[in-house]
Amino acid sequence: MTDLAAKEWRFIVEQSAPGPLQMAFDETAAETVADGGPRTVRVYRWEPSTLSLGYRQEAKTVDWEYCEAEGVTVTRRQTGGGGIYHDSFGDISYSIVVPADEVPGDLLSCYELLCKPLLEFFDRLGLAADFAESEQPSIYEPACYLRGIHPAHDILCNGRKISGNAQYRTRDAVVQHGSISVRTRPERHLAVFKEHNLSHEVFTKRVTGIMEETDQQLDRETIVSTLERTLADWVDASSGDWTDSERSRAETIAAEKYATNSWVKDRERNTAAEQ
C-alpha cells in the first residue's frame, strides 16, 4: 500500500460552519481527490450546534420542537449509525479524505489505519484512550453514542466512549469523519431525541469527554491545536484551504441536499436513492 505521507495532502485548520455545509465540504473534498486534487485532512466546528442523523435513521426519532426552540440545526450524514449531537463547544470533528486505491479495501483495516492519528492525539494529551476491546450492547439505538460499542471504530477512555468514527466510500474516494467529545452535555445530547426516557446517569456511564478525563487545565483551543498538529504531522500535510470553486460547490450541495427536508426528513427517499 502507498505510504500516505508521500502523497500530496493539505491540512485545513478548524473552521466553523453550519452542519449542512460541513457535510457538503466532505462531499466536495471527495470530488476533489477523485479528480486528482489534493487529499484533505481537516478539523471543523459545528456552528450552530447540530444534530447529525445517521444515513438510515428515522426522522421520527428527533424532537423537532426542541431542536427548533434551542437553535439546534438538524442534518443527515452520508454515514450510518444513530444521531449525534455536535455541541458547538463540546464537540470537535475531523475528516480524512483520500483516494480509495491508497487505503485498504477491507473496512476494519482501513479504520485501523485512519484512526492512528486519533490515538496519537489522545496520547499527546496524556489520556489512555484506545479502541474498545470488545463489543458492548446498545442502550438506545437512535443516539449514536448510546448504540452498541464496536471495537473497529469506537474509541474509549477508562471504559467510556470518547470518540466515534465512520466511513463512506464513493467510487474513487474514502471519507472518514468522526467526533471527539471535549465536554459532554448529557441534557442536550438526550433532549434532541423524542421520548427517550433515559437519565443523565445512563448517558455518563457510557460517554465521557476530554475535560472529564484529565486533571490538566486544558482549554478548547489547546485541545483543538493538539489535534490539528497531530493530523498534519501524520501525513506531513501542507497548510491549505478550500478553493473558491470548492467553496461554491459545497454551498450548492448544502443548499440542494443537506439542508433540505427531502434529505433530512424523508428517510424513504434516501433508502430508495441508495438502492
C-alpha atoms as a PDB file:
ATOM      1  CA  MET A   1       0.000   0.000   0.000  1.00  0.00           C
ATOM      2  CA  THR A   2       1.149   3.517  -0.765  1.00  0.00           C
ATOM      3  CA  ASP A   3       2.781   5.447   2.053  1.00  0.00           C
ATOM      4  CA  LEU A   4       0.180   8.141   2.726  1.00  0.00           C
ATOM      5  CA  ALA A   5       2.708  10.717   3.861  1.00  0.00           C
ATOM      6  CA  ALA A   6       4.468  10.501   0.497  1.00  0.00           C
ATOM      7  CA  LYS A   7       1.416  11.925  -1.257  1.00  0.00           C
ATOM      8  CA  GLU A   8       0.126  15.487  -1.542  1.00  0.00           C
ATOM      9  CA  TRP A   9      -2.010  16.437   1.452  1.00  0.00           C
ATOM     10  CA  ARG A  10      -3.495  19.717   2.550  1.00  0.00           C
ATOM     11  CA  PHE A  11      -4.498  20.425   6.108  1.00  0.00           C
ATOM     12  CA  ILE A  12      -7.381  22.809   6.857  1.00  0.00           C
ATOM     13  CA  VAL A  13      -7.467  24.248  10.378  1.00  0.00           C
ATOM     14  CA  GLU A  14     -10.705  24.261  12.355  1.00  0.00           C
ATOM     15  CA  GLN A  15     -13.414  26.202  10.583  1.00  0.00           C
ATOM     16  CA  SER A  16     -16.902  26.915  11.923  1.00  0.00           C
ATOM     17  CA  ALA A  17     -19.909  26.379   9.666  1.00  0.00           C
ATOM     18  CA  PRO A  18     -23.494  25.084   9.843  1.00  0.00           C
ATOM     19  CA  GLY A  19     -23.993  21.325   9.750  1.00  0.00           C
ATOM     20  CA  PRO A  20     -25.266  21.077   6.155  1.00  0.00           C
ATOM     21  CA  LEU A  21     -22.218  22.953   4.874  1.00  0.00           C
ATOM     22  CA  GLN A  22     -19.808  20.802   6.889  1.00  0.00           C
ATOM     23  CA  MET A  23     -21.250  17.664   5.336  1.00  0.00           C
ATOM     24  CA  ALA A  24     -21.114  19.277   1.897  1.00  0.00           C
ATOM     25  CA  PHE A  25     -17.430  20.058   2.400  1.00  0.00           C
ATOM     26  CA  ASP A  26     -16.774  16.343   2.953  1.00  0.00           C
ATOM     27  CA  GLU A  27     -18.548  15.511  -0.277  1.00  0.00           C
ATOM     28  CA  THR A  28     -16.702  18.256  -2.149  1.00  0.00           C
ATOM     29  CA  ALA A  29     -13.329  17.047  -0.840  1.00  0.00           C
ATOM     30  CA  ALA A  30     -14.179  13.568  -2.144  1.00  0.00           C
ATOM     31  CA  GLU A  31     -14.886  15.034  -5.575  1.00  0.00           C
ATOM     32  CA  THR A  32     -11.608  16.944  -5.479  1.00  0.00           C
ATOM     33  CA  VAL A  33      -9.484  13.914  -4.645  1.00  0.00           C
ATOM     34  CA  ALA A  34     -11.329  11.799  -7.233  1.00  0.00           C
ATOM     35  CA  ASP A  35     -10.378  14.427  -9.850  1.00  0.00           C
ATOM     36  CA  GLY A  36      -6.705  14.165  -8.926  1.00  0.00           C
ATOM     37  CA  GLY A  37      -6.602  17.048  -6.451  1.00  0.00           C
ATOM     38  CA  PRO A  38      -5.009  17.019  -3.007  1.00  0.00           C
ATOM     39  CA  ARG A  39      -6.009  14.676  -0.240  1.00  0.00           C
ATOM     40  CA  THR A  40      -7.653  16.558   2.614  1.00  0.00           C
ATOM     41  CA  VAL A  41      -7.387  16.307   6.368  1.00  0.00           C
ATOM     42  CA  ARG A  42      -9.288  18.882   8.371  1.00  0.00           C
ATOM     43  CA  VAL A  43     -10.737  19.829  11.754  1.00  0.00           C
ATOM     44  CA  TYR A  44     -14.110  21.515  11.969  1.00  0.00           C
ATOM     45  CA  ARG A  45     -16.661  23.002  14.331  1.00  0.00           C
ATOM     46  CA  TRP A  46     -20.432  22.766  14.091  1.00  0.00           C
ATOM     47  CA  GLU A  47     -21.855  26.275  14.392  1.00  0.00           C
ATOM     48  CA  PRO A  48     -24.597  26.392  15.450  1.00  0.00           C
ATOM     49  CA  SER A  49     -24.820  23.150  17.435  1.00  0.00           C
ATOM     50  CA  THR A  50     -26.114  20.397  15.182  1.00  0.00           C
ATOM     51  CA  LEU A  51     -27.806  17.024  15.352  1.00  0.00           C
ATOM     52  CA  SER A  52     -26.458  14.883  12.517  1.00  0.00           C
ATOM     53  CA  LEU A  53     -28.656  11.895  11.740  1.00  0.00           C
ATOM     54  CA  GLY A  54     -27.295   8.598  10.521  1.00  0.00           C
ATOM     55  CA  TYR A  55     -27.992   7.809   6.875  1.00  0.00           C
ATOM     56  CA  ARG A  56     -30.924   5.472   7.535  1.00  0.00           C
ATOM     57  CA  GLN A  57     -32.124   6.943  10.816  1.00  0.00           C
ATOM     58  CA  GLU A  58     -35.843   7.603  11.058  1.00  0.00           C
ATOM     59  CA  ALA A  59     -36.698  11.281  11.348  1.00  0.00           C
ATOM     60  CA  LYS A  60     -39.485  10.490  13.805  1.00  0.00           C
ATOM     61  CA  THR A  61     -36.845   9.829  16.494  1.00  0.00           C
ATOM     62  CA  VAL A  62     -35.990  13.554  16.575  1.00  0.00           C
ATOM     63  CA  ASP A  63     -37.616  16.041  18.934  1.00  0.00           C
ATOM     64  CA  TRP A  64     -38.069  18.667  16.243  1.00  0.00           C
ATOM     65  CA  GLU A  65     -39.753  21.163  18.574  1.00  0.00           C
ATOM     66  CA  TYR A  66     -36.829  21.050  20.998  1.00  0.00           C
ATOM     67  CA  CYS A  67     -34.264  21.465  18.229  1.00  0.00           C
ATOM     68  CA  GLU A  68     -36.115  24.448  16.785  1.00  0.00           C
ATOM     69  CA  ALA A  69     -36.571  26.098  20.179  1.00  0.00           C
ATOM     70  CA  GLU A  70     -32.917  25.603  21.131  1.00  0.00           C
ATOM     71  CA  GLY A  71     -31.480  26.585  17.763  1.00  0.00           C
ATOM     72  CA  VAL A  72     -30.068  23.122  17.037  1.00  0.00           C
ATOM     73  CA  THR A  73     -29.653  22.527  13.304  1.00  0.00           C
ATOM     74  CA  VAL A  74     -30.552  19.058  12.013  1.00  0.00           C
ATOM     75  CA  THR A  75     -28.882  17.462   9.021  1.00  0.00           C
ATOM     76  CA  ARG A  76     -28.164  13.916   7.832  1.00  0.00           C
ATOM     77  CA  ARG A  77     -24.766  12.306   7.303  1.00  0.00           C
ATOM     78  CA  GLN A  78     -23.664  10.050   4.478  1.00  0.00           C
ATOM     79  CA  THR A  79     -22.507   7.580   7.128  1.00  0.00           C
ATOM     80  CA  GLY A  80     -24.673   5.207   9.103  1.00  0.00           C
ATOM     81  CA  GLY A  81     -25.393   4.872  12.794  1.00  0.00           C
ATOM     82  CA  GLY A  82     -27.557   6.941  15.056  1.00  0.00           C
ATOM     83  CA  GLY A  83     -27.851  10.663  15.628  1.00  0.00           C
ATOM     84  CA  ILE A  84     -25.001  12.646  17.136  1.00  0.00           C
ATOM     85  CA  TYR A  85     -25.488  15.915  18.966  1.00  0.00           C
ATOM     86  CA  HIS A  86     -22.490  18.053  17.991  1.00  0.00           C
ATOM     87  CA  ASP A  87     -22.241  20.779  20.592  1.00  0.00           C
ATOM     88  CA  SER A  88     -20.579  23.914  19.234  1.00  0.00           C
ATOM     89  CA  PHE A  89     -18.249  23.938  22.240  1.00  0.00           C
ATOM     90  CA  GLY A  90     -18.122  20.348  23.427  1.00  0.00           C
ATOM     91  CA  ASP A  91     -17.564  18.602  20.090  1.00  0.00           C
ATOM     92  CA  ILE A  92     -14.529  18.633  17.805  1.00  0.00           C
ATOM     93  CA  SER A  93     -14.884  16.905  14.448  1.00  0.00           C
ATOM     94  CA  TYR A  94     -12.398  15.911  11.777  1.00  0.00           C
ATOM     95  CA  SER A  95     -12.378  14.469   8.259  1.00  0.00           C
ATOM     96  CA  ILE A  96      -9.825  12.496   6.286  1.00  0.00           C
ATOM     97  CA  VAL A  97     -10.441  12.251   2.527  1.00  0.00           C
ATOM     98  CA  VAL A  98      -8.176  10.016   0.447  1.00  0.00           C
ATOM     99  CA  PRO A  99      -8.252   8.124  -2.866  1.00  0.00           C
ATOM    100  CA  ALA A 100      -9.839   4.719  -2.440  1.00  0.00           C
ATOM    101  CA  ASP A 101      -6.925   2.895  -4.041  1.00  0.00           C
ATOM    102  CA  GLU A 102      -4.464   4.274  -1.465  1.00  0.00           C
ATOM    103  CA  VAL A 103      -6.105   2.711   1.593  1.00  0.00           C
ATOM    104  CA  PRO A 104      -7.100  -0.875   2.419  1.00  0.00           C
ATOM    105  CA  GLY A 105     -10.294  -2.127   0.825  1.00  0.00           C
ATOM    106  CA  ASP A 106     -11.028  -4.082   3.983  1.00  0.00           C
ATOM    107  CA  LEU A 107     -13.117  -1.853   6.241  1.00  0.00           C
ATOM    108  CA  LEU A 108     -11.548  -2.902   9.540  1.00  0.00           C
ATOM    109  CA  SER A 109      -8.006  -2.458   8.205  1.00  0.00           C
ATOM    110  CA  CYS A 110      -8.949   0.946   6.822  1.00  0.00           C
ATOM    111  CA  TYR A 111     -10.287   2.062  10.204  1.00  0.00           C
ATOM    112  CA  GLU A 112      -7.127   0.838  11.889  1.00  0.00           C
ATOM    113  CA  LEU A 113      -5.033   2.940   9.515  1.00  0.00           C
ATOM    114  CA  LEU A 114      -7.072   6.135   9.517  1.00  0.00           C
ATOM    115  CA  CYS A 115      -7.671   6.155  13.280  1.00  0.00           C
ATOM    116  CA  LYS A 116      -3.940   6.073  14.080  1.00  0.00           C
ATOM    117  CA  PRO A 117      -3.630   9.861  14.389  1.00  0.00           C
ATOM    118  CA  LEU A 118      -6.586   9.947  16.784  1.00  0.00           C
ATOM    119  CA  LEU A 119      -4.895   7.531  19.151  1.00  0.00           C
ATOM    120  CA  GLU A 120      -1.717   9.598  18.885  1.00  0.00           C
ATOM    121  CA  PHE A 121      -3.743  12.727  19.670  1.00  0.00           C
ATOM    122  CA  PHE A 122      -5.112  11.260  22.889  1.00  0.00           C
ATOM    123  CA  ASP A 123      -1.644  10.084  23.824  1.00  0.00           C
ATOM    124  CA  ARG A 124      -0.289  13.614  23.365  1.00  0.00           C
ATOM    125  CA  LEU A 125      -2.962  14.821  25.784  1.00  0.00           C
ATOM    126  CA  GLY A 126      -1.898  12.178  28.298  1.00  0.00           C
ATOM    127  CA  LEU A 127      -5.140  10.184  28.015  1.00  0.00           C
ATOM    128  CA  ALA A 128      -5.205   6.384  27.913  1.00  0.00           C
ATOM    129  CA  ALA A 129      -7.663   6.056  25.041  1.00  0.00           C
ATOM    130  CA  ASP A 130      -7.860   3.092  22.696  1.00  0.00           C
ATOM    131  CA  PHE A 131     -10.223   1.048  20.557  1.00  0.00           C
ATOM    132  CA  ALA A 132     -12.857  -0.817  22.534  1.00  0.00           C
ATOM    133  CA  GLU A 133     -11.600  -4.282  23.452  1.00  0.00           C
ATOM    134  CA  SER A 134     -14.947  -5.935  22.790  1.00  0.00           C
ATOM    135  CA  GLU A 135     -18.461  -5.205  21.650  1.00  0.00           C
ATOM    136  CA  GLN A 136     -20.932  -3.729  24.125  1.00  0.00           C
ATOM    137  CA  PRO A 137     -24.721  -3.832  23.816  1.00  0.00           C
ATOM    138  CA  SER A 138     -26.854  -0.962  22.664  1.00  0.00           C
ATOM    139  CA  ILE A 139     -28.563   1.266  25.231  1.00  0.00           C
ATOM    140  CA  TYR A 140     -30.620   3.446  22.898  1.00  0.00           C
ATOM    141  CA  GLU A 141     -30.457   2.943  19.138  1.00  0.00           C
ATOM    142  CA  PRO A 142     -31.394   6.453  17.909  1.00  0.00           C
ATOM    143  CA  ALA A 143     -28.364   8.010  19.678  1.00  0.00           C
ATOM    144  CA  CYS A 144     -25.057   7.046  18.081  1.00  0.00           C
ATOM    145  CA  TYR A 145     -23.048   7.356  21.295  1.00  0.00           C
ATOM    146  CA  LEU A 146     -25.501   5.026  23.053  1.00  0.00           C
ATOM    147  CA  ARG A 147     -25.627   2.395  20.325  1.00  0.00           C
ATOM    148  CA  GLY A 148     -23.617  -0.788  20.608  1.00  0.00           C
ATOM    149  CA  ILE A 149     -19.870  -0.255  21.016  1.00  0.00           C
ATOM    150  CA  HIS A 150     -17.774  -1.689  18.170  1.00  0.00           C
ATOM    151  CA  PRO A 151     -14.017  -2.380  18.537  1.00  0.00           C
ATOM    152  CA  ALA A 152     -13.349  -1.365  14.927  1.00  0.00           C
ATOM    153  CA  HIS A 153     -14.155   2.330  15.202  1.00  0.00           C
ATOM    154  CA  ASP A 154     -15.210   3.297  18.739  1.00  0.00           C
ATOM    155  CA  ILE A 155     -12.510   4.795  20.966  1.00  0.00           C
ATOM    156  CA  LEU A 156     -12.895   4.539  24.721  1.00  0.00           C
ATOM    157  CA  CYS A 157     -11.191   6.194  27.669  1.00  0.00           C
ATOM    158  CA  ASN A 158     -11.459   4.462  31.037  1.00  0.00           C
ATOM    159  CA  GLY A 159     -14.240   2.296  29.652  1.00  0.00           C
ATOM    160  CA  ARG A 160     -16.380   5.129  28.274  1.00  0.00           C
ATOM    161  CA  LYS A 161     -16.783   6.300  24.686  1.00  0.00           C
ATOM    162  CA  ILE A 162     -14.869   9.458  23.872  1.00  0.00           C
ATOM    163  CA  SER A 163     -14.757   9.315  20.064  1.00  0.00           C
ATOM    164  CA  GLY A 164     -16.904   7.832  17.329  1.00  0.00           C
ATOM    165  CA  ASN A 165     -15.718   7.396  13.739  1.00  0.00           C
ATOM    166  CA  ALA A 166     -17.382   6.379  10.481  1.00  0.00           C
ATOM    167  CA  GLN A 167     -16.551   5.939   6.801  1.00  0.00           C
ATOM    168  CA  TYR A 168     -18.246   6.080   3.469  1.00  0.00           C
ATOM    169  CA  ARG A 169     -16.882   5.388   0.012  1.00  0.00           C
ATOM    170  CA  THR A 170     -17.527   6.765  -3.411  1.00  0.00           C
ATOM    171  CA  ARG A 171     -16.169   5.015  -6.478  1.00  0.00           C
ATOM    172  CA  ASP A 172     -12.811   6.782  -6.169  1.00  0.00           C
ATOM    173  CA  ALA A 173     -12.597   8.188  -2.653  1.00  0.00           C
ATOM    174  CA  VAL A 174     -12.854   7.269   1.013  1.00  0.00           C
ATOM    175  CA  VAL A 175     -14.192   9.755   3.534  1.00  0.00           C
ATOM    176  CA  GLN A 176     -13.645   9.101   7.222  1.00  0.00           C
ATOM    177  CA  HIS A 177     -15.102  11.573   9.650  1.00  0.00           C
ATOM    178  CA  GLY A 178     -15.597  11.464  13.362  1.00  0.00           C
ATOM    179  CA  SER A 179     -16.343  13.370  16.510  1.00  0.00           C
ATOM    180  CA  ILE A 180     -14.359  13.781  19.704  1.00  0.00           C
ATOM    181  CA  SER A 181     -16.031  14.754  22.971  1.00  0.00           C
ATOM    182  CA  VAL A 182     -14.371  17.685  24.688  1.00  0.00           C
ATOM    183  CA  ARG A 183     -17.059  18.136  27.320  1.00  0.00           C
ATOM    184  CA  THR A 184     -20.315  16.225  27.485  1.00  0.00           C
ATOM    185  CA  ARG A 185     -23.688  17.878  27.983  1.00  0.00           C
ATOM    186  CA  PRO A 186     -25.999  14.927  28.710  1.00  0.00           C
ATOM    187  CA  GLU A 187     -29.127  17.042  28.969  1.00  0.00           C
ATOM    188  CA  ARG A 188     -28.736  18.312  25.399  1.00  0.00           C
ATOM    189  CA  HIS A 189     -27.436  15.044  23.956  1.00  0.00           C
ATOM    190  CA  LEU A 190     -30.605  13.366  25.150  1.00  0.00           C
ATOM    191  CA  ALA A 191     -33.120  16.178  24.675  1.00  0.00           C
ATOM    192  CA  VAL A 192     -32.740  16.222  20.874  1.00  0.00           C
ATOM    193  CA  PHE A 193     -34.374  12.773  20.784  1.00  0.00           C
ATOM    194  CA  LYS A 194     -38.080  12.189  21.234  1.00  0.00           C
ATOM    195  CA  GLU A 195     -39.424  10.100  24.135  1.00  0.00           C
ATOM    196  CA  HIS A 196     -36.109   8.592  25.164  1.00  0.00           C
ATOM    197  CA  ASN A 197     -36.846   8.085  28.892  1.00  0.00           C
ATOM    198  CA  LEU A 198     -33.152   7.985  29.740  1.00  0.00           C
ATOM    199  CA  SER A 199     -31.436   9.518  32.748  1.00  0.00           C
ATOM    200  CA  HIS A 200     -28.277  11.601  32.596  1.00  0.00           C
ATOM    201  CA  GLU A 201     -26.570   8.899  34.660  1.00  0.00           C
ATOM    202  CA  VAL A 202     -27.169   6.335  31.924  1.00  0.00           C
ATOM    203  CA  PHE A 203     -25.512   8.649  29.420  1.00  0.00           C
ATOM    204  CA  THR A 204     -22.474   9.452  31.563  1.00  0.00           C
ATOM    205  CA  LYS A 205     -21.825   5.781  32.309  1.00  0.00           C
ATOM    206  CA  ARG A 206     -21.337   5.202  28.577  1.00  0.00           C
ATOM    207  CA  VAL A 207     -19.926   8.560  27.331  1.00  0.00           C
ATOM    208  CA  THR A 208     -17.134  10.826  28.529  1.00  0.00           C
ATOM    209  CA  GLY A 209     -15.189  13.873  27.374  1.00  0.00           C
ATOM    210  CA  ILE A 210     -11.599  15.042  27.470  1.00  0.00           C
ATOM    211  CA  MET A 211     -12.252  17.592  30.199  1.00  0.00           C
ATOM    212  CA  GLU A 212     -13.826  14.890  32.360  1.00  0.00           C
ATOM    213  CA  GLU A 213     -10.816  12.609  31.941  1.00  0.00           C
ATOM    214  CA  THR A 214      -7.862  14.894  32.638  1.00  0.00           C
ATOM    215  CA  ASP A 215      -6.531  16.788  35.627  1.00  0.00           C
ATOM    216  CA  GLN A 216      -4.815  19.255  33.315  1.00  0.00           C
ATOM    217  CA  GLN A 217      -6.266  22.709  32.860  1.00  0.00           C
ATOM    218  CA  LEU A 218      -6.926  22.231  29.157  1.00  0.00           C
ATOM    219  CA  ASP A 219      -8.975  24.767  27.259  1.00  0.00           C
ATOM    220  CA  ARG A 220     -10.720  24.021  23.988  1.00  0.00           C
ATOM    221  CA  GLU A 221      -8.177  25.962  21.936  1.00  0.00           C
ATOM    222  CA  THR A 222      -5.302  23.830  23.273  1.00  0.00           C
ATOM    223  CA  ILE A 223      -7.179  20.629  22.540  1.00  0.00           C
ATOM    224  CA  VAL A 224      -8.012  21.749  19.008  1.00  0.00           C
ATOM    225  CA  SER A 225      -4.447  22.831  18.245  1.00  0.00           C
ATOM    226  CA  THR A 226      -3.127  19.483  19.513  1.00  0.00           C
ATOM    227  CA  LEU A 227      -5.489  17.612  17.197  1.00  0.00           C
ATOM    228  CA  GLU A 228      -4.560  19.881  14.290  1.00  0.00           C
ATOM    229  CA  ARG A 229      -0.824  19.302  14.768  1.00  0.00           C
ATOM    230  CA  THR A 230      -1.280  15.566  15.165  1.00  0.00           C
ATOM    231  CA  LEU A 231      -3.319  15.167  11.989  1.00  0.00           C
ATOM    232  CA  ALA A 232      -0.993  17.375   9.960  1.00  0.00           C
ATOM    233  CA  ASP A 233       2.110  15.560  11.246  1.00  0.00           C
ATOM    234  CA  TRP A 234       0.584  12.169  10.443  1.00  0.00           C
ATOM    235  CA  VAL A 235       0.618  12.755   6.683  1.00  0.00           C
ATOM    236  CA  ASP A 236       3.121  15.617   6.557  1.00  0.00           C
ATOM    237  CA  ALA A 237       0.347  17.852   5.242  1.00  0.00           C
ATOM    238  CA  SER A 238       0.846  21.376   3.978  1.00  0.00           C
ATOM    239  CA  SER A 239      -1.357  24.170   5.278  1.00  0.00           C
ATOM    240  CA  GLY A 240      -4.230  24.789   2.887  1.00  0.00           C
ATOM    241  CA  ASP A 241      -7.803  25.899   2.430  1.00  0.00           C
ATOM    242  CA  TRP A 242     -10.774  25.367   0.157  1.00  0.00           C
ATOM    243  CA  THR A 243     -10.520  26.908  -3.287  1.00  0.00           C
ATOM    244  CA  ASP A 244     -13.171  29.387  -4.348  1.00  0.00           C
ATOM    245  CA  SER A 245     -14.687  26.784  -6.667  1.00  0.00           C
ATOM    246  CA  GLU A 246     -14.778  24.173  -3.894  1.00  0.00           C
ATOM    247  CA  ARG A 247     -16.458  26.574  -1.511  1.00  0.00           C
ATOM    248  CA  SER A 248     -19.035  27.481  -4.148  1.00  0.00           C
ATOM    249  CA  ARG A 249     -19.616  23.805  -4.910  1.00  0.00           C
ATOM    250  CA  ALA A 250     -20.044  22.977  -1.207  1.00  0.00           C
ATOM    251  CA  GLU A 251     -22.530  25.808  -0.722  1.00  0.00           C
ATOM    252  CA  THR A 252     -24.561  24.484  -3.647  1.00  0.00           C
ATOM    253  CA  ILE A 253     -24.524  20.916  -2.315  1.00  0.00           C
ATOM    254  CA  ALA A 254     -25.513  22.130   1.150  1.00  0.00           C
ATOM    255  CA  ALA A 255     -28.455  24.147  -0.181  1.00  0.00           C
ATOM    256  CA  GLU A 256     -29.685  21.473  -2.600  1.00  0.00           C
ATOM    257  CA  LYS A 257     -29.103  18.422  -0.410  1.00  0.00           C
ATOM    258  CA  TYR A 258     -28.004  18.588   3.223  1.00  0.00           C
ATOM    259  CA  ALA A 259     -30.311  21.465   4.222  1.00  0.00           C
ATOM    260  CA  THR A 260     -33.436  20.132   2.501  1.00  0.00           C
ATOM    261  CA  ASN A 261     -36.369  18.355   4.087  1.00  0.00           C
ATOM    262  CA  SER A 262     -36.209  15.699   1.384  1.00  0.00           C
ATOM    263  CA  TRP A 263     -32.735  14.705   2.580  1.00  0.00           C
ATOM    264  CA  VAL A 264     -33.103  15.292   6.292  1.00  0.00           C
ATOM    265  CA  LYS A 265     -36.665  14.149   6.978  1.00  0.00           C
ATOM    266  CA  ASP A 266     -37.547  11.796   4.138  1.00  0.00           C
ATOM    267  CA  ARG A 267     -35.806   8.574   5.093  1.00  0.00           C
ATOM    268  CA  GLU A 268     -37.669   6.516   2.471  1.00  0.00           C
ATOM    269  CA  ARG A 269     -36.326   8.687  -0.345  1.00  0.00           C
ATOM    270  CA  ASN A 270     -32.766   8.247   0.955  1.00  0.00           C
ATOM    271  CA  THR A 271     -33.143   4.479   1.032  1.00  0.00           C
ATOM    272  CA  ALA A 272     -34.640   4.374  -2.461  1.00  0.00           C
ATOM    273  CA  ALA A 273     -31.842   6.564  -3.831  1.00  0.00           C
ATOM    274  CA  GLU A 274     -29.203   4.246  -2.394  1.00  0.00           C
ATOM    275  CA  GLN A 275     -30.813   1.216  -3.997  1.00  0.00           C
END
